[in-house]
Amino acid sequence: MRAGPIAAVVLTATLALSACSPQYDDATKADLRAQVIAVSTASAAGDWPTAIAGLDELATDVSKARRDGRLDDQRFAAIVSAMDLVRQDLAAAVAAAETEAEQQRLLAEQARLQEQITQLQADRSKPAPPAPAQGDDGKSEKDGKGGKDGEEGEGEGKSEGSGRGGSGIVPAADHREQ
């Protein structure tokens, strides 16, 4: 939100503070004016938390000045009215800033996702690694001759345990025959 509308309302509050009144002493006027300027400065800088805190402090001090008889009812009503306008403008400014921050976050997230999509598309367009040759399962051959691991090679003897039954245990009856 622009600082212009807030500054205009703050100027109204300053004018309400500076009008002449017999029950409006110079010390109270100076204190309240300094607080209005602090709220205006924070608002113009976009420091919404400080501006709101300053406005809350100003409301407390204005109420106390009225209660102590340093501020008449008419002046109190004018100042409170101006502070209400400033509070509305600050609330709108905070909401606008939050909306802007959320939009920026969403744009950053959108850019990040678009980058991921671009990277995935680039990865898909790269050629695939060559497929293994048919019959090549990537296992080594035994002694470089013949079949795959665990199988007989050409011209090789059978490995231990590859006799009858394939368990490597020779039955007692077969043992006697040998």
N, C-alpha and C. Protein backbone atom coordinates (compact mmCIF):
# COMPACT_ATOMS: atom_id res chain seq x y z
N MET A 1 0.85 -1.18 0.00
CA MET A 1 0.00 0.00 0.00
C MET A 1 0.89 1.23 0.00
N ARG A 2 0.43 2.27 -0.68
CA ARG A 2 1.20 3.52 -0.74
C ARG A 2 1.18 4.22 0.60
N ALA A 3 2.23 4.96 0.87
CA ALA A 3 2.32 5.71 2.12
C ALA A 3 1.46 6.98 2.05
N GLY A 4 1.07 7.42 0.87
CA GLY A 4 0.30 8.65 0.69
C GLY A 4 -0.98 8.70 1.50
N PRO A 5 -1.87 7.70 1.37
CA PRO A 5 -3.11 7.74 2.15
C PRO A 5 -2.85 7.72 3.66
N ILE A 6 -1.89 6.94 4.08
CA ILE A 6 -1.58 6.90 5.51
C ILE A 6 -1.05 8.24 5.97
N ALA A 7 -0.17 8.82 5.17
CA ALA A 7 0.40 10.13 5.53
C ALA A 7 -0.70 11.19 5.61
N ALA A 8 -1.69 11.12 4.73
CA ALA A 8 -2.78 12.10 4.75
C ALA A 8 -3.60 11.96 6.03
N VAL A 9 -3.86 10.74 6.44
CA VAL A 9 -4.62 10.53 7.67
C VAL A 9 -3.79 10.96 8.87
N VAL A 10 -2.51 10.67 8.84
CA VAL A 10 -1.63 11.08 9.94
C VAL A 10 -1.58 12.61 10.00
N LEU A 11 -1.58 13.26 8.85
CA LEU A 11 -1.60 14.73 8.83
C LEU A 11 -2.90 15.24 9.47
N THR A 12 -4.02 14.56 9.20
CA THR A 12 -5.29 14.94 9.82
C THR A 12 -5.19 14.82 11.34
N ALA A 13 -4.58 13.72 11.80
CA ALA A 13 -4.41 13.53 13.24
C ALA A 13 -3.51 14.62 13.82
N THR A 14 -2.47 15.01 13.09
CA THR A 14 -1.57 16.05 13.56
C THR A 14 -2.31 17.38 13.67
N LEU A 15 -3.15 17.69 12.67
CA LEU A 15 -3.92 18.93 12.72
C LEU A 15 -4.92 18.90 13.89
N ALA A 16 -5.50 17.72 14.14
CA ALA A 16 -6.43 17.61 15.27
C ALA A 16 -5.69 17.85 16.58
N LEU A 17 -4.45 17.42 16.62
CA LEU A 17 -3.66 17.61 17.83
C LEU A 17 -3.23 19.06 18.02
N SER A 18 -3.01 19.76 16.92
CA SER A 18 -2.42 21.09 17.02
C SER A 18 -3.44 22.23 17.15
N ALA A 19 -4.72 21.95 17.02
CA ALA A 19 -5.72 23.02 17.17
C ALA A 19 -5.68 23.55 18.60
N CYS A 20 -6.03 24.79 18.76
CA CYS A 20 -5.96 25.44 20.08
C CYS A 20 -7.10 24.96 20.97
N SER A 21 -6.77 24.75 22.20
CA SER A 21 -7.77 24.36 23.20
C SER A 21 -7.23 24.75 24.56
N PRO A 22 -8.06 25.35 25.37
CA PRO A 22 -7.59 25.77 26.68
C PRO A 22 -7.18 24.59 27.56
N GLN A 23 -7.76 23.41 27.36
CA GLN A 23 -7.42 22.26 28.19
C GLN A 23 -6.43 21.33 27.48
N TYR A 24 -5.70 21.86 26.57
CA TYR A 24 -4.77 21.05 25.79
C TYR A 24 -3.39 21.66 25.98
N ASP A 25 -2.67 21.22 27.00
CA ASP A 25 -1.40 21.86 27.34
C ASP A 25 -0.32 21.51 26.32
N ASP A 26 0.70 22.35 26.30
CA ASP A 26 1.79 22.20 25.32
C ASP A 26 2.55 20.89 25.47
N ALA A 27 2.75 20.43 26.68
CA ALA A 27 3.48 19.17 26.90
C ALA A 27 2.71 17.99 26.31
N THR A 28 1.40 17.94 26.55
CA THR A 28 0.57 16.85 26.00
C THR A 28 0.56 16.94 24.48
N LYS A 29 0.40 18.14 23.96
CA LYS A 29 0.38 18.34 22.51
C LYS A 29 1.70 17.87 21.89
N ALA A 30 2.82 18.23 22.48
CA ALA A 30 4.13 17.85 21.93
C ALA A 30 4.33 16.33 22.00
N ASP A 31 3.92 15.73 23.10
CA ASP A 31 4.08 14.27 23.25
C ASP A 31 3.24 13.52 22.23
N LEU A 32 1.99 13.91 22.10
CA LEU A 32 1.10 13.23 21.14
C LEU A 32 1.55 13.47 19.70
N ARG A 33 1.99 14.66 19.40
CA ARG A 33 2.47 14.97 18.05
C ARG A 33 3.71 14.12 17.73
N ALA A 34 4.63 13.96 18.67
CA ALA A 34 5.82 13.14 18.45
C ALA A 34 5.42 11.68 18.16
N GLN A 35 4.41 11.21 18.86
CA GLN A 35 3.94 9.84 18.61
C GLN A 35 3.30 9.70 17.24
N VAL A 36 2.55 10.71 16.83
CA VAL A 36 1.93 10.69 15.49
C VAL A 36 3.02 10.67 14.42
N ILE A 37 4.05 11.47 14.62
CA ILE A 37 5.16 11.51 13.65
C ILE A 37 5.88 10.17 13.60
N ALA A 38 6.07 9.53 14.76
CA ALA A 38 6.71 8.21 14.79
C ALA A 38 5.89 7.17 14.03
N VAL A 39 4.57 7.20 14.22
CA VAL A 39 3.68 6.29 13.49
C VAL A 39 3.77 6.57 11.99
N SER A 40 3.77 7.84 11.62
CA SER A 40 3.85 8.23 10.21
C SER A 40 5.16 7.78 9.59
N THR A 41 6.25 7.96 10.31
CA THR A 41 7.57 7.57 9.80
C THR A 41 7.65 6.05 9.60
N ALA A 42 7.18 5.30 10.59
CA ALA A 42 7.19 3.83 10.47
C ALA A 42 6.31 3.37 9.32
N SER A 43 5.16 4.02 9.16
CA SER A 43 4.25 3.67 8.07
C SER A 43 4.89 3.94 6.71
N ALA A 44 5.51 5.09 6.59
CA ALA A 44 6.14 5.45 5.31
C ALA A 44 7.28 4.49 4.97
N ALA A 45 7.94 3.95 6.01
CA ALA A 45 9.05 3.01 5.79
C ALA A 45 8.55 1.59 5.56
N GLY A 46 7.25 1.39 5.73
CA GLY A 46 6.70 0.04 5.57
C GLY A 46 6.95 -0.85 6.78
N ASP A 47 7.30 -0.24 7.90
CA ASP A 47 7.53 -0.99 9.13
C ASP A 47 6.20 -1.08 9.88
N TRP A 48 5.35 -1.99 9.40
CA TRP A 48 3.99 -2.08 9.91
C TRP A 48 3.93 -2.45 11.40
N PRO A 49 4.72 -3.39 11.88
CA PRO A 49 4.63 -3.71 13.31
C PRO A 49 4.95 -2.51 14.21
N THR A 50 5.96 -1.73 13.84
CA THR A 50 6.31 -0.55 14.63
C THR A 50 5.21 0.50 14.55
N ALA A 51 4.65 0.68 13.37
CA ALA A 51 3.57 1.66 13.20
C ALA A 51 2.35 1.26 14.04
N ILE A 52 2.00 0.00 14.02
CA ILE A 52 0.83 -0.46 14.79
C ILE A 52 1.10 -0.33 16.29
N ALA A 53 2.30 -0.70 16.71
CA ALA A 53 2.65 -0.56 18.14
C ALA A 53 2.61 0.92 18.56
N GLY A 54 3.11 1.79 17.71
CA GLY A 54 3.08 3.22 18.00
C GLY A 54 1.65 3.75 18.08
N LEU A 55 0.80 3.24 17.20
CA LEU A 55 -0.60 3.65 17.21
C LEU A 55 -1.30 3.17 18.49
N ASP A 56 -0.97 1.96 18.91
CA ASP A 56 -1.53 1.44 20.17
C ASP A 56 -1.09 2.30 21.36
N GLU A 57 0.17 2.67 21.36
CA GLU A 57 0.71 3.52 22.43
C GLU A 57 0.03 4.89 22.41
N LEU A 58 -0.15 5.43 21.21
CA LEU A 58 -0.82 6.72 21.07
C LEU A 58 -2.25 6.65 21.61
N ALA A 59 -2.96 5.57 21.30
CA ALA A 59 -4.34 5.41 21.79
C ALA A 59 -4.36 5.38 23.31
N THR A 60 -3.43 4.69 23.91
CA THR A 60 -3.34 4.63 25.38
C THR A 60 -3.09 6.02 25.96
N ASP A 61 -2.13 6.73 25.36
CA ASP A 61 -1.78 8.06 25.87
C ASP A 61 -2.91 9.07 25.67
N VAL A 62 -3.64 8.98 24.56
CA VAL A 62 -4.76 9.89 24.31
C VAL A 62 -5.87 9.63 25.34
N SER A 63 -6.14 8.37 25.61
CA SER A 63 -7.16 8.03 26.61
C SER A 63 -6.76 8.53 28.00
N LYS A 64 -5.50 8.37 28.34
CA LYS A 64 -5.01 8.83 29.63
C LYS A 64 -5.10 10.36 29.73
N ALA A 65 -4.71 11.06 28.65
CA ALA A 65 -4.78 12.53 28.65
C ALA A 65 -6.22 13.00 28.84
N ARG A 66 -7.15 12.32 28.23
CA ARG A 66 -8.57 12.69 28.39
C ARG A 66 -9.01 12.44 29.83
N ARG A 67 -8.65 11.26 30.35
CA ARG A 67 -9.03 10.91 31.72
C ARG A 67 -8.44 11.89 32.74
N ASP A 68 -7.20 12.36 32.46
CA ASP A 68 -6.53 13.31 33.37
C ASP A 68 -6.99 14.75 33.18
N GLY A 69 -7.88 14.98 32.21
CA GLY A 69 -8.38 16.33 31.97
C GLY A 69 -7.45 17.18 31.12
N ARG A 70 -6.46 16.58 30.47
CA ARG A 70 -5.54 17.34 29.61
C ARG A 70 -6.02 17.40 28.17
N LEU A 71 -7.13 16.74 27.88
CA LEU A 71 -7.67 16.69 26.51
C LEU A 71 -9.19 16.71 26.62
N ASP A 72 -9.84 17.67 25.92
CA ASP A 72 -11.29 17.75 25.99
C ASP A 72 -11.95 16.68 25.12
N ASP A 73 -13.24 16.48 25.31
CA ASP A 73 -13.97 15.43 24.61
C ASP A 73 -13.97 15.61 23.10
N GLN A 74 -14.11 16.84 22.65
CA GLN A 74 -14.15 17.11 21.20
C GLN A 74 -12.81 16.75 20.56
N ARG A 75 -11.73 17.19 21.17
CA ARG A 75 -10.40 16.90 20.63
C ARG A 75 -10.14 15.39 20.69
N PHE A 76 -10.53 14.75 21.79
CA PHE A 76 -10.37 13.29 21.94
C PHE A 76 -11.08 12.56 20.80
N ALA A 77 -12.32 12.94 20.52
CA ALA A 77 -13.10 12.30 19.45
C ALA A 77 -12.44 12.49 18.09
N ALA A 78 -11.89 13.67 17.81
CA ALA A 78 -11.22 13.93 16.53
C ALA A 78 -9.96 13.07 16.40
N ILE A 79 -9.20 12.98 17.47
CA ILE A 79 -7.96 12.19 17.44
C ILE A 79 -8.27 10.70 17.27
N VAL A 80 -9.25 10.20 18.03
CA VAL A 80 -9.64 8.78 17.93
C VAL A 80 -10.14 8.46 16.53
N SER A 81 -10.91 9.36 15.95
CA SER A 81 -11.40 9.16 14.58
C SER A 81 -10.24 9.06 13.59
N ALA A 82 -9.28 9.96 13.72
CA ALA A 82 -8.11 9.94 12.83
C ALA A 82 -7.30 8.66 13.05
N MET A 83 -7.15 8.23 14.33
CA MET A 83 -6.41 7.00 14.61
C MET A 83 -7.12 5.78 14.03
N ASP A 84 -8.43 5.77 14.04
CA ASP A 84 -9.19 4.66 13.45
C ASP A 84 -8.91 4.55 11.95
N LEU A 85 -8.88 5.70 11.28
CA LEU A 85 -8.57 5.70 9.84
C LEU A 85 -7.15 5.19 9.60
N VAL A 86 -6.21 5.64 10.42
CA VAL A 86 -4.83 5.18 10.28
C VAL A 86 -4.76 3.67 10.52
N ARG A 87 -5.45 3.17 11.52
CA ARG A 87 -5.45 1.73 11.83
C ARG A 87 -6.01 0.93 10.65
N GLN A 88 -7.08 1.42 10.03
CA GLN A 88 -7.65 0.74 8.85
C GLN A 88 -6.64 0.71 7.71
N ASP A 89 -5.97 1.85 7.50
CA ASP A 89 -4.97 1.91 6.43
C ASP A 89 -3.79 0.98 6.72
N LEU A 90 -3.38 0.91 7.99
CA LEU A 90 -2.29 0.00 8.34
C LEU A 90 -2.70 -1.46 8.14
N ALA A 91 -3.93 -1.79 8.51
CA ALA A 91 -4.42 -3.16 8.31
C ALA A 91 -4.44 -3.50 6.82
N ALA A 92 -4.87 -2.54 5.99
CA ALA A 92 -4.87 -2.77 4.54
C ALA A 92 -3.45 -2.91 4.01
N ALA A 93 -2.54 -2.11 4.54
CA ALA A 93 -1.15 -2.18 4.11
C ALA A 93 -0.52 -3.52 4.48
N VAL A 94 -0.81 -4.00 5.70
CA VAL A 94 -0.30 -5.30 6.14
C VAL A 94 -0.86 -6.40 5.25
N ALA A 95 -2.15 -6.37 4.98
CA ALA A 95 -2.77 -7.38 4.12
C ALA A 95 -2.17 -7.35 2.72
N ALA A 96 -1.95 -6.16 2.19
CA ALA A 96 -1.34 -6.04 0.85
C ALA A 96 0.08 -6.58 0.86
N ALA A 97 0.83 -6.29 1.91
CA ALA A 97 2.21 -6.79 2.00
C ALA A 97 2.22 -8.32 2.10
N GLU A 98 1.30 -8.88 2.88
CA GLU A 98 1.22 -10.34 3.00
C GLU A 98 0.83 -10.97 1.67
N THR A 99 -0.11 -10.35 0.97
CA THR A 99 -0.52 -10.85 -0.34
C THR A 99 0.66 -10.80 -1.32
N GLU A 100 1.39 -9.71 -1.31
CA GLU A 100 2.56 -9.57 -2.18
C GLU A 100 3.61 -10.62 -1.85
N ALA A 101 3.85 -10.84 -0.57
CA ALA A 101 4.84 -11.84 -0.15
C ALA A 101 4.41 -13.24 -0.60
N GLU A 102 3.13 -13.54 -0.48
CA GLU A 102 2.63 -14.85 -0.91
C GLU A 102 2.74 -14.99 -2.43
N GLN A 103 2.46 -13.92 -3.17
CA GLN A 103 2.60 -13.97 -4.62
C GLN A 103 4.05 -14.20 -5.01
N GLN A 104 4.97 -13.55 -4.33
CA GLN A 104 6.39 -13.75 -4.61
C GLN A 104 6.82 -15.18 -4.30
N ARG A 105 6.32 -15.73 -3.20
CA ARG A 105 6.64 -17.11 -2.84
C ARG A 105 6.12 -18.08 -3.91
N LEU A 106 4.89 -17.84 -4.37
CA LEU A 106 4.30 -18.70 -5.39
C LEU A 106 5.05 -18.59 -6.71
N LEU A 107 5.48 -17.39 -7.07
CA LEU A 107 6.26 -17.22 -8.30
C LEU A 107 7.60 -17.94 -8.20
N ALA A 108 8.24 -17.88 -7.04
CA ALA A 108 9.51 -18.58 -6.85
C ALA A 108 9.30 -20.09 -6.94
N GLU A 109 8.22 -20.58 -6.35
CA GLU A 109 7.91 -22.01 -6.40
C GLU A 109 7.61 -22.44 -7.84
N GLN A 110 6.89 -21.60 -8.57
CA GLN A 110 6.59 -21.89 -9.96
C GLN A 110 7.88 -21.95 -10.79
N ALA A 111 8.79 -21.03 -10.56
CA ALA A 111 10.06 -21.03 -11.28
C ALA A 111 10.87 -22.28 -10.95
N ARG A 112 10.86 -22.69 -9.68
CA ARG A 112 11.59 -23.89 -9.27
C ARG A 112 11.01 -25.13 -9.95
N LEU A 113 9.68 -25.23 -9.99
CA LEU A 113 9.04 -26.37 -10.64
C LEU A 113 9.30 -26.37 -12.14
N GLN A 114 9.28 -25.19 -12.75
CA GLN A 114 9.56 -25.11 -14.19
C GLN A 114 10.98 -25.58 -14.48
N GLU A 115 11.91 -25.23 -13.62
CA GLU A 115 13.31 -25.68 -13.77
C GLU A 115 13.39 -27.20 -13.67
N GLN A 116 12.64 -27.79 -12.75
CA GLN A 116 12.63 -29.25 -12.63
C GLN A 116 12.06 -29.89 -13.89
N ILE A 117 10.99 -29.32 -14.42
CA ILE A 117 10.39 -29.84 -15.65
C ILE A 117 11.40 -29.77 -16.80
N THR A 118 12.06 -28.64 -16.91
CA THR A 118 13.06 -28.47 -17.97
C THR A 118 14.17 -29.50 -17.83
N GLN A 119 14.63 -29.74 -16.61
CA GLN A 119 15.70 -30.72 -16.37
C GLN A 119 15.24 -32.13 -16.71
N LEU A 120 14.01 -32.47 -16.33
CA LEU A 120 13.48 -33.79 -16.65
C LEU A 120 13.34 -33.98 -18.15
N GLN A 121 12.90 -32.94 -18.85
CA GLN A 121 12.78 -33.04 -20.29
C GLN A 121 14.16 -33.18 -20.94
N ALA A 122 15.14 -32.49 -20.41
CA ALA A 122 16.50 -32.61 -20.94
C ALA A 122 17.03 -34.02 -20.70
N ASP A 123 16.75 -34.58 -19.54
CA ASP A 123 17.19 -35.94 -19.23
C ASP A 123 16.52 -36.96 -20.14
N ARG A 124 15.26 -36.75 -20.47
CA ARG A 124 14.53 -37.67 -21.35
C ARG A 124 15.06 -37.63 -22.78
N SER A 125 15.56 -36.49 -23.19
CA SER A 125 16.02 -36.36 -24.57
C SER A 125 17.44 -36.91 -24.76
N LYS A 126 18.13 -37.23 -23.68
CA LYS A 126 19.46 -37.82 -23.80
C LYS A 126 19.31 -39.26 -24.29
N PRO A 127 20.28 -39.75 -25.13
CA PRO A 127 20.16 -41.14 -25.59
C PRO A 127 20.34 -42.09 -24.41
N ALA A 128 19.58 -43.20 -24.46
CA ALA A 128 19.66 -44.21 -23.41
C ALA A 128 20.96 -44.98 -23.55
N PRO A 129 21.52 -45.49 -22.46
CA PRO A 129 22.73 -46.30 -22.57
C PRO A 129 22.42 -47.55 -23.38
N PRO A 130 23.41 -48.09 -24.09
CA PRO A 130 23.15 -49.26 -24.94
C PRO A 130 22.71 -50.45 -24.08
N ALA A 131 21.77 -51.21 -24.63
CA ALA A 131 21.27 -52.40 -23.94
C ALA A 131 22.31 -53.50 -24.05
N PRO A 132 22.40 -54.40 -23.08
CA PRO A 132 23.34 -55.51 -23.17
C PRO A 132 23.00 -56.38 -24.38
N ALA A 133 24.03 -56.99 -24.97
CA ALA A 133 23.82 -57.85 -26.13
C ALA A 133 22.97 -59.03 -25.72
N GLN A 134 22.22 -59.56 -26.67
CA GLN A 134 21.32 -60.66 -26.37
C GLN A 134 22.15 -61.86 -25.92
N GLY A 135 21.74 -62.49 -24.83
CA GLY A 135 22.46 -63.64 -24.30
C GLY A 135 23.55 -63.22 -23.32
N ASP A 136 23.86 -61.96 -23.26
CA ASP A 136 24.87 -61.47 -22.32
C ASP A 136 24.14 -61.00 -21.08
N ASP A 137 24.29 -61.77 -20.01
CA ASP A 137 23.60 -61.36 -18.79
C ASP A 137 24.54 -60.66 -17.83
N GLY A 138 25.75 -60.37 -18.28
CA GLY A 138 26.70 -59.64 -17.48
C GLY A 138 27.48 -60.52 -16.52
N LYS A 139 27.22 -61.85 -16.52
CA LYS A 139 27.96 -62.74 -15.63
C LYS A 139 29.21 -63.23 -16.33
N SER A 140 30.24 -63.51 -15.56
CA SER A 140 31.48 -63.98 -16.17
C SER A 140 31.36 -65.46 -16.50
N GLU A 141 32.11 -65.87 -17.50
CA GLU A 141 32.12 -67.27 -17.88
C GLU A 141 33.21 -67.97 -17.10
N LYS A 142 33.02 -69.26 -16.83
CA LYS A 142 33.99 -70.04 -16.09
C LYS A 142 35.13 -70.41 -17.02
N ASP A 143 36.34 -70.01 -16.66
CA ASP A 143 37.56 -70.26 -17.43
C ASP A 143 37.46 -69.75 -18.85
N GLY A 144 36.51 -68.90 -19.15
CA GLY A 144 36.40 -68.33 -20.49
C GLY A 144 35.95 -69.33 -21.53
N LYS A 145 35.57 -70.53 -21.16
CA LYS A 145 35.15 -71.55 -22.14
C LYS A 145 33.73 -71.96 -21.85
N GLY A 146 32.93 -72.11 -22.68
CA GLY A 146 31.65 -72.73 -22.45
C GLY A 146 30.63 -71.80 -21.83
N GLY A 147 29.78 -72.40 -20.96
CA GLY A 147 28.59 -71.73 -20.48
C GLY A 147 28.81 -70.75 -19.35
N LYS A 148 27.71 -70.47 -18.72
CA LYS A 148 27.69 -69.49 -17.64
C LYS A 148 28.22 -70.13 -16.38
N ASP A 149 28.46 -69.32 -15.36
CA ASP A 149 28.94 -69.82 -14.07
C ASP A 149 28.11 -71.01 -13.62
N GLY A 150 28.79 -71.98 -13.10
CA GLY A 150 28.10 -73.14 -12.56
C GLY A 150 27.76 -74.17 -13.62
N GLU A 151 27.94 -73.87 -14.89
CA GLU A 151 27.65 -74.84 -15.93
C GLU A 151 28.97 -75.47 -16.40
N GLU A 152 28.86 -76.62 -17.06
CA GLU A 152 30.06 -77.27 -17.58
C GLU A 152 30.63 -76.47 -18.72
N GLY A 153 31.93 -76.38 -18.73
CA GLY A 153 32.57 -75.75 -19.86
C GLY A 153 32.87 -76.81 -20.89
N GLU A 154 33.21 -76.40 -22.09
CA GLU A 154 33.52 -77.36 -23.15
C GLU A 154 34.81 -78.08 -22.79
N GLY A 155 34.76 -79.40 -22.83
CA GLY A 155 35.95 -80.20 -22.60
C GLY A 155 36.40 -80.19 -21.15
N GLU A 156 35.67 -79.65 -20.26
CA GLU A 156 36.05 -79.60 -18.85
C GLU A 156 35.37 -80.75 -18.14
N GLY A 157 35.98 -81.17 -17.05
CA GLY A 157 35.36 -82.17 -16.22
C GLY A 157 34.25 -81.55 -15.42
N LYS A 158 33.44 -82.44 -14.88
CA LYS A 158 32.35 -81.93 -14.08
C LYS A 158 32.91 -81.41 -12.77
N SER A 159 32.28 -80.41 -12.26
CA SER A 159 32.73 -79.88 -10.99
C SER A 159 32.25 -80.78 -9.87
N GLU A 160 32.88 -80.65 -8.71
CA GLU A 160 32.55 -81.48 -7.57
C GLU A 160 31.07 -81.39 -7.27
N GLY A 161 30.50 -82.50 -7.03
CA GLY A 161 29.10 -82.53 -6.67
C GLY A 161 28.19 -82.52 -7.87
N SER A 162 28.72 -82.68 -9.05
CA SER A 162 27.84 -82.68 -10.19
C SER A 162 27.55 -84.06 -10.70
N GLY A 163 27.89 -85.07 -9.90
CA GLY A 163 27.65 -86.45 -10.29
C GLY A 163 26.18 -86.79 -10.19
N ARG A 164 25.88 -88.09 -10.05
CA ARG A 164 24.50 -88.52 -9.97
C ARG A 164 23.80 -87.84 -8.82
N GLY A 165 22.64 -87.42 -9.00
CA GLY A 165 21.86 -86.76 -7.96
C GLY A 165 22.24 -85.30 -7.80
N GLY A 166 23.40 -84.91 -8.25
CA GLY A 166 23.82 -83.53 -8.25
C GLY A 166 24.08 -82.97 -6.88
N SER A 167 24.06 -83.82 -5.80
CA SER A 167 24.22 -83.26 -4.48
C SER A 167 25.65 -83.34 -3.99
N GLY A 168 26.49 -84.14 -4.65
CA GLY A 168 27.86 -84.30 -4.21
C GLY A 168 27.98 -85.41 -3.18
N ILE A 169 26.88 -85.98 -2.75
CA ILE A 169 26.91 -87.10 -1.81
C ILE A 169 26.67 -88.36 -2.63
N VAL A 170 27.58 -89.28 -2.52
CA VAL A 170 27.45 -90.52 -3.29
C VAL A 170 26.74 -91.53 -2.40
N PRO A 171 25.65 -92.10 -2.89
CA PRO A 171 24.95 -93.09 -2.09
C PRO A 171 25.86 -94.28 -1.77
N ALA A 172 25.64 -94.92 -0.62
CA ALA A 172 26.48 -96.03 -0.17
C ALA A 172 26.53 -97.16 -1.20
N ALA A 173 25.43 -97.46 -1.84
CA ALA A 173 25.40 -98.54 -2.81
C ALA A 173 26.26 -98.17 -3.98
N ASP A 174 26.24 -96.96 -4.44
CA ASP A 174 27.04 -96.56 -5.58
C ASP A 174 28.51 -96.54 -5.22
N HIS A 175 28.83 -96.28 -4.01
CA HIS A 175 30.22 -96.20 -3.56
C HIS A 175 30.89 -97.56 -3.61
N ARG A 176 30.13 -98.62 -3.30
CA ARG A 176 30.69 -99.94 -3.29
C ARG A 176 30.97 -100.43 -4.68
N GLU A 177 30.23 -99.99 -5.63
CA GLU A 177 30.43 -100.45 -7.01
C GLU A 177 31.71 -99.89 -7.59
N GLN A 178 32.19 -98.86 -7.12
CA GLN A 178 33.33 -98.21 -7.75
C GLN A 178 34.59 -98.82 -7.40
